[in-house]
Amino acid sequence: MELQGKVAIVVGAGGIGKAAAVRLAKEDCRLAVADRDLKRAIKVAEEVKNSGHDAAAYGVNITDTASVKEMVNSAVDRFGTVHILVNCVGSPIFGNFLELSDEDWKTVIDVKYLGYVRTMREVLPYMIKQKDGRIVNLSGTAAKEPYLLQLPGGSVNAAINQITKGLARLMGKHNIRVNALSPGPTATERVIRLMEITAKERQASVEELLAQESEEIPLGRFAKPEEVAEAITFLVSDRSSYVNGAHFIVDGGLTRSV
């Protein structure tokens, strides 16, 4: 993929973020792994280092501009610059629309939408200076087909796709490519935990629930985090050198709209 020596910041060390960090390390990227849970980031960074690649862990609160700035500055001090940013944060709020408060909506916007805005704003000056940058923002298929218990997250995902397209147009002249990627149902630890809660409510097993949820997916199963990581790696590599402002859907054919 010709990514040897590139510096990548991966924001979000769970599930898909972890898989992306491990996959990019295999391409010999130097990894800055950032997460609100420093212990989780350290665990992923240690796994990368144990595989013989360079990595460092950072705690970050992406709802706080100063925290994001400190994380990026620390990573640049450690690695010299940044070439790649992968924003991989899930929506923190689920629930019935009539039961969601203003604070619930503000939380989703602050964590995921403004969180991505903050990280991009901090890395872009370095990318502009070196005329080399690749950003992948993970949004979600709910941006196109609403999930009724994830309306805040789906709305934010649509906004992320919009700003991705806008920044792609603004930054293309600097040789910076900005793309969005929407994974469908993916068998991450977080999703399995949510499945366990739902299964208990429905008095069913997780296996039964997974089978039911998979019936609507043409490929008949949830994605593995590693499969989504392969798509992320493609988008930050030179093999996608003319892909800019795109919205990739990686969901096994689940999304019906175009």
Protein backbone atom coordinates (compact mmCIF):
# COMPACT_ATOMS: atom_id res chain seq x y z
CA MET A 1 0.00 0.00 0.00
CA GLU A 2 3.10 2.26 0.05
CA LEU A 3 2.38 3.51 3.57
CA GLN A 4 5.76 2.73 5.07
CA GLY A 5 6.82 5.40 7.54
CA LYS A 6 3.56 7.35 7.38
CA VAL A 7 2.30 8.68 10.70
CA ALA A 8 -1.31 7.78 11.46
CA ILE A 9 -3.51 9.02 14.28
CA VAL A 10 -6.40 6.68 15.01
CA VAL A 11 -9.04 8.20 17.28
CA GLY A 12 -11.00 5.44 18.97
CA ALA A 13 -9.22 2.31 20.16
CA GLY A 14 -12.15 -0.06 20.43
CA GLY A 15 -13.54 -2.41 17.80
CA ILE A 16 -13.02 -0.99 14.33
CA GLY A 17 -10.49 1.59 15.58
CA LYS A 18 -8.35 -1.14 17.09
CA ALA A 19 -8.56 -3.20 13.91
CA ALA A 20 -7.60 -0.15 11.84
CA ALA A 21 -4.57 0.57 14.03
CA VAL A 22 -3.36 -3.03 13.82
CA ARG A 23 -3.91 -3.13 10.05
CA LEU A 24 -2.09 0.16 9.42
CA ALA A 25 0.81 -1.07 11.54
CA LYS A 26 1.13 -4.05 9.20
CA GLU A 27 1.74 -1.49 6.44
CA ASP A 28 4.57 -0.14 8.63
CA CYS A 29 2.76 3.06 9.57
CA ARG A 30 3.81 4.69 12.82
CA LEU A 31 0.75 4.74 15.04
CA ALA A 32 -0.65 7.25 17.51
CA VAL A 33 -3.60 5.49 19.15
CA ALA A 34 -5.96 7.88 20.97
CA ASP A 35 -8.97 7.07 23.10
CA ARG A 36 -10.91 8.57 26.00
CA ASP A 37 -9.88 5.42 27.88
CA LEU A 38 -6.09 5.68 28.08
CA LYS A 39 -5.79 2.09 29.28
CA ARG A 40 -7.57 0.87 26.16
CA ALA A 41 -5.30 2.98 23.95
CA ILE A 42 -2.23 1.63 25.75
CA LYS A 43 -3.42 -1.94 25.24
CA VAL A 44 -3.76 -1.42 21.47
CA ALA A 45 -0.43 0.41 21.24
CA GLU A 46 1.27 -2.41 23.13
CA GLU A 47 -0.21 -4.95 20.73
CA VAL A 48 1.16 -2.96 17.81
CA LYS A 49 4.59 -2.64 19.42
CA ASN A 50 4.69 -6.33 20.24
CA SER A 51 4.23 -7.01 16.53
CA GLY A 52 7.42 -5.05 15.86
CA HIS A 53 5.96 -1.68 14.85
CA ASP A 54 6.17 1.83 16.29
CA ALA A 55 3.20 3.05 18.32
CA ALA A 56 2.27 5.36 21.17
CA ALA A 57 -0.93 5.76 23.19
CA TYR A 58 -2.73 8.95 24.14
CA GLY A 59 -5.74 9.73 26.25
CA VAL A 60 -8.06 12.29 24.68
CA ASN A 61 -11.39 13.90 25.43
CA ILE A 62 -12.66 14.86 21.99
CA THR A 63 -15.35 17.08 23.52
CA ASP A 64 -12.55 19.34 24.78
CA THR A 65 -10.57 21.42 22.27
CA ALA A 66 -7.56 21.72 24.57
CA SER A 67 -7.42 17.94 25.05
CA VAL A 68 -7.52 17.33 21.29
CA LYS A 69 -4.85 19.96 20.69
CA GLU A 70 -2.62 18.41 23.36
CA MET A 71 -3.05 14.93 21.88
CA VAL A 72 -2.16 16.01 18.35
CA ASN A 73 0.77 18.14 19.51
CA SER A 74 2.11 15.27 21.60
CA ALA A 75 1.83 12.87 18.67
CA VAL A 76 3.62 15.32 16.37
CA ASP A 77 6.35 15.85 18.98
CA ARG A 78 6.77 12.08 19.13
CA PHE A 79 6.60 11.25 15.41
CA GLY A 80 7.48 14.53 13.68
CA THR A 81 4.25 15.05 11.75
CA VAL A 82 0.94 13.40 10.83
CA HIS A 83 -0.09 12.06 7.43
CA ILE A 84 -3.23 10.08 8.26
CA LEU A 85 -6.22 10.66 10.53
CA VAL A 86 -8.85 8.00 11.14
CA ASN A 87 -11.82 9.19 13.18
CA CYS A 88 -13.56 6.13 14.58
CA VAL A 89 -16.02 7.11 17.31
CA GLY A 90 -19.47 5.66 17.87
CA SER A 91 -22.64 7.45 18.88
CA PRO A 92 -22.94 7.40 22.69
CA ILE A 93 -26.73 7.76 22.87
CA PHE A 94 -29.54 5.40 21.90
CA GLY A 95 -33.21 5.59 22.70
CA ASN A 96 -36.79 6.37 21.80
CA PHE A 97 -37.14 9.79 20.14
CA LEU A 98 -39.83 10.98 22.57
CA GLU A 99 -37.65 10.06 25.55
CA LEU A 100 -34.44 11.76 24.35
CA SER A 101 -33.63 15.10 25.97
CA ASP A 102 -31.90 18.15 24.55
CA GLU A 103 -28.82 17.10 26.49
CA ASP A 104 -28.84 13.69 24.80
CA TRP A 105 -28.81 15.35 21.38
CA LYS A 106 -26.12 17.82 22.43
CA THR A 107 -23.97 14.96 23.72
CA VAL A 108 -24.07 13.14 20.39
CA ILE A 109 -23.27 16.31 18.47
CA ASP A 110 -20.43 17.23 20.83
CA VAL A 111 -18.86 13.79 20.93
CA LYS A 112 -19.08 12.64 17.35
CA TYR A 113 -19.65 15.62 15.06
CA LEU A 114 -17.73 18.33 16.87
CA GLY A 115 -15.22 15.72 18.03
CA TYR A 116 -14.36 14.99 14.40
CA VAL A 117 -14.29 18.72 13.62
CA ARG A 118 -11.77 19.26 16.44
CA THR A 119 -9.43 16.47 15.38
CA MET A 120 -9.48 17.49 11.72
CA ARG A 121 -8.89 21.12 12.58
CA GLU A 122 -5.76 20.20 14.54
CA VAL A 123 -4.15 17.87 11.98
CA LEU A 124 -4.89 19.85 8.83
CA PRO A 125 -2.17 22.53 9.29
CA TYR A 126 0.50 19.80 9.33
CA MET A 127 -1.02 18.12 6.28
CA ILE A 128 -1.26 21.42 4.39
CA LYS A 129 2.38 22.26 5.18
CA GLN A 130 3.65 18.95 3.79
CA LYS A 131 1.04 18.76 0.99
CA ASP A 132 0.16 15.23 1.98
CA GLY A 133 -2.83 14.13 4.02
CA ARG A 134 -5.50 11.45 4.15
CA ILE A 135 -8.53 11.58 6.46
CA VAL A 136 -11.19 8.92 6.91
CA ASN A 137 -14.25 9.75 8.97
CA LEU A 138 -16.34 6.79 10.09
CA SER A 139 -19.98 7.81 10.01
CA GLY A 140 -22.59 5.06 9.69
CA THR A 141 -25.27 3.63 7.46
CA ALA A 142 -27.95 5.31 9.60
CA ALA A 143 -27.01 8.47 7.70
CA LYS A 144 -28.90 7.02 4.73
CA GLU A 145 -31.41 4.66 6.29
CA PRO A 146 -32.53 5.81 9.77
CA TYR A 147 -32.40 3.38 12.66
CA LEU A 148 -35.34 4.34 14.84
CA LEU A 149 -33.45 4.05 18.14
CA GLN A 150 -30.40 5.88 16.76
CA LEU A 151 -31.87 9.05 15.32
CA PRO A 152 -29.33 11.37 17.00
CA GLY A 153 -26.42 9.26 15.76
CA GLY A 154 -27.87 8.89 12.28
CA SER A 155 -28.44 12.64 12.00
CA VAL A 156 -24.85 13.30 13.06
CA ASN A 157 -23.59 10.70 10.59
CA ALA A 158 -25.33 12.57 7.78
CA ALA A 159 -23.67 15.80 8.95
CA ILE A 160 -20.27 14.05 9.01
CA ASN A 161 -20.75 12.95 5.41
CA GLN A 162 -21.56 16.56 4.52
CA ILE A 163 -18.49 18.10 6.15
CA THR A 164 -16.34 15.33 4.67
CA LYS A 165 -17.47 16.31 1.19
CA GLY A 166 -16.93 20.00 1.95
CA LEU A 167 -13.41 19.53 3.31
CA ALA A 168 -12.53 17.28 0.38
CA ARG A 169 -13.27 20.19 -1.93
CA LEU A 170 -11.44 22.69 0.24
CA MET A 171 -8.34 20.60 0.81
CA GLY A 172 -7.90 18.86 -2.53
CA LYS A 173 -5.56 21.63 -3.75
CA HIS A 174 -3.22 20.73 -0.88
CA ASN A 175 -3.14 17.04 -1.89
CA ILE A 176 -5.29 16.15 1.12
CA ARG A 177 -8.01 13.58 0.54
CA VAL A 178 -10.99 13.39 2.90
CA ASN A 179 -13.43 10.48 2.69
CA ALA A 180 -16.19 8.97 4.81
CA LEU A 181 -16.80 5.31 5.49
CA SER A 182 -20.02 3.83 6.83
CA PRO A 183 -19.76 0.35 8.30
CA GLY A 184 -22.91 -1.66 8.65
CA PRO A 185 -23.54 -4.05 11.54
CA THR A 186 -20.10 -5.08 12.77
CA ALA A 187 -19.29 -7.66 15.43
CA THR A 188 -17.38 -5.38 17.78
CA GLU A 189 -17.30 -5.84 21.55
CA ARG A 190 -19.56 -2.79 21.91
CA VAL A 191 -22.17 -4.20 19.53
CA ILE A 192 -22.10 -7.59 21.23
CA ARG A 193 -22.68 -5.88 24.60
CA LEU A 194 -25.69 -4.04 23.15
CA MET A 195 -26.90 -7.35 21.75
CA GLU A 196 -26.65 -8.92 25.19
CA ILE A 197 -28.83 -6.15 26.67
CA THR A 198 -31.39 -6.44 23.87
CA ALA A 199 -31.40 -10.23 24.06
CA LYS A 200 -32.13 -10.09 27.78
CA GLU A 201 -35.04 -7.73 27.17
CA ARG A 202 -36.44 -10.04 24.50
CA GLN A 203 -35.72 -13.16 26.53
CA ALA A 204 -33.61 -14.56 23.72
CA SER A 205 -29.99 -15.58 23.27
CA VAL A 206 -27.36 -13.39 21.62
CA GLU A 207 -26.94 -16.06 18.94
CA GLU A 208 -30.67 -15.95 18.14
CA LEU A 209 -30.62 -12.17 17.96
CA LEU A 210 -27.54 -12.13 15.70
CA ALA A 211 -29.22 -14.61 13.39
CA GLN A 212 -32.37 -12.47 13.24
CA GLU A 213 -30.44 -9.25 12.59
CA SER A 214 -28.34 -10.97 9.90
CA GLU A 215 -31.41 -12.05 7.91
CA GLU A 216 -31.69 -8.59 6.34
CA ILE A 217 -28.03 -8.52 5.28
CA PRO A 218 -27.54 -9.98 1.79
CA LEU A 219 -24.23 -11.56 2.84
CA GLY A 220 -26.04 -13.11 5.81
CA ARG A 221 -23.69 -12.03 8.60
CA PHE A 222 -22.21 -9.11 10.51
CA ALA A 223 -18.89 -7.69 9.36
CA LYS A 224 -15.66 -8.43 11.17
CA PRO A 225 -13.83 -5.29 12.39
CA GLU A 226 -10.86 -6.43 10.31
CA GLU A 227 -12.95 -6.27 7.12
CA VAL A 228 -13.82 -2.65 7.78
CA ALA A 229 -10.16 -1.95 8.57
CA GLU A 230 -9.20 -3.22 5.11
CA ALA A 231 -11.46 -0.58 3.53
CA ILE A 232 -9.99 2.13 5.77
CA THR A 233 -6.47 1.10 4.78
CA PHE A 234 -7.40 1.30 1.10
CA LEU A 235 -8.81 4.81 1.52
CA VAL A 236 -5.64 6.15 3.20
CA SER A 237 -3.31 4.41 0.73
CA ASP A 238 -2.05 5.58 -2.64
CA ARG A 239 -4.20 2.90 -4.25
CA SER A 240 -7.11 5.29 -3.74
CA SER A 241 -5.13 8.33 -4.89
CA TYR A 242 -8.07 9.72 -6.91
CA VAL A 243 -10.75 8.97 -4.33
CA ASN A 244 -11.75 12.21 -2.59
CA GLY A 245 -15.02 13.32 -1.02
CA ALA A 246 -16.46 9.83 -1.33
CA HIS A 247 -18.78 8.00 1.01
CA PHE A 248 -17.92 4.30 1.13
CA ILE A 249 -20.54 1.91 2.48
CA VAL A 250 -19.22 -1.35 3.90
CA ASP A 251 -22.32 -3.22 5.03
CA GLY A 252 -22.64 -6.44 3.07
CA GLY A 253 -25.31 -4.92 0.82
CA LEU A 254 -27.72 -3.95 3.63
CA THR A 255 -28.26 -0.33 2.57
CA ARG A 256 -30.92 -0.12 -0.13
CA SER A 257 -30.67 3.55 -1.05
CA VAL A 258 -27.96 4.83 -3.39
